[in-house]
Amino acid sequence: MTGGNDMAKQAQTEMIKITQIRSRIGCPKVQKQTLDALGLRKNGRTVEHKANPAILGMVEKVKHLVKIEL
C-alpha cells in the first residue's frame, strides 16, 4: 500500500534548475517580483528549487524569461 506514497515523496523532492535567459527590462512589475521570489536577479544566473506546485506556478508566469532543466 505504500508504493503510491513513495512515488509521491519522490516527486516532491525532485529538484529543477531554473536559469534566467532573458532580461527583466520592460517586464511588468509582477513578473519582476516573481523572478525575485525565485532568486533570479541577473541574466544568466541559475538557481535550484524543489519541483512543488508553488515553484512550478511561478515558473509558468515567467516561462518566456527562463530555461528549466530537470
Protein backbone atom coordinates (compact mmCIF):
# COMPACT_ATOMS: atom_id res chain seq x y z
CA MET A 1 0.00 0.00 0.00
CA THR A 2 2.91 2.38 0.48
CA GLY A 3 4.03 2.08 -3.16
CA GLY A 4 1.96 5.11 -4.20
CA ASN A 5 3.15 7.11 -1.21
CA ASP A 6 6.83 6.52 -2.10
CA MET A 7 6.23 7.85 -5.60
CA ALA A 8 4.58 10.97 -4.19
CA LYS A 9 7.56 11.62 -1.89
CA GLN A 10 9.99 11.16 -4.77
CA ALA A 11 8.10 13.64 -6.95
CA GLN A 12 8.09 16.21 -4.15
CA THR A 13 11.85 16.06 -3.65
CA GLU A 14 12.67 16.35 -7.36
CA MET A 15 14.88 19.37 -7.97
CA ILE A 16 14.70 21.64 -11.01
CA LYS A 17 17.29 24.14 -12.25
CA ILE A 18 15.92 27.49 -13.36
CA THR A 19 18.14 29.80 -15.42
CA GLN A 20 17.22 33.34 -16.38
CA ILE A 21 17.90 33.68 -20.11
CA ARG A 22 16.15 36.96 -20.94
CA SER A 23 16.28 40.40 -19.39
CA ARG A 24 13.62 41.64 -17.00
CA ILE A 25 13.77 45.14 -18.51
CA GLY A 26 10.36 46.13 -19.82
CA CYS A 27 8.55 43.33 -17.98
CA PRO A 28 5.54 44.02 -15.76
CA LYS A 29 6.26 44.55 -12.06
CA VAL A 30 4.55 41.28 -11.15
CA GLN A 31 6.97 39.29 -13.34
CA LYS A 32 9.96 41.11 -11.83
CA GLN A 33 8.67 40.22 -8.37
CA THR A 34 8.25 36.60 -9.43
CA LEU A 35 11.87 36.48 -10.64
CA ASP A 36 12.98 37.97 -7.32
CA ALA A 37 10.96 35.35 -5.41
CA LEU A 38 12.68 32.62 -7.42
CA GLY A 39 16.07 34.15 -6.56
CA LEU A 40 16.85 35.31 -10.11
CA ARG A 41 18.15 38.86 -10.10
CA LYS A 42 20.59 38.85 -13.03
CA ASN A 43 20.61 37.43 -16.52
CA GLY A 44 22.42 34.08 -16.80
CA ARG A 45 22.01 33.14 -13.13
CA THR A 46 20.86 29.66 -12.16
CA VAL A 47 19.02 28.54 -9.03
CA GLU A 48 17.74 25.15 -7.85
CA HIS A 49 14.34 24.64 -6.27
CA LYS A 50 12.19 21.68 -5.33
CA ALA A 51 9.57 20.99 -8.00
CA ASN A 52 6.49 21.77 -5.92
CA PRO A 53 3.27 23.37 -7.18
CA ALA A 54 4.19 26.86 -5.89
CA ILE A 55 7.54 26.94 -7.70
CA LEU A 56 6.09 25.42 -10.88
CA GLY A 57 3.34 28.08 -10.85
CA MET A 58 5.93 30.86 -10.57
CA VAL A 59 7.96 29.36 -13.40
CA GLU A 60 4.82 29.25 -15.55
CA LYS A 61 4.34 33.02 -15.05
CA VAL A 62 7.86 33.82 -16.33
CA LYS A 63 8.44 30.89 -18.70
CA HIS A 64 9.38 33.27 -21.52
CA LEU A 65 12.28 34.62 -19.42
CA VAL A 66 13.71 31.38 -18.03
CA LYS A 67 15.01 27.95 -19.04
CA ILE A 68 14.08 24.91 -16.95
CA GLU A 69 16.23 21.78 -16.55
CA LEU A 70 15.42 18.67 -14.53
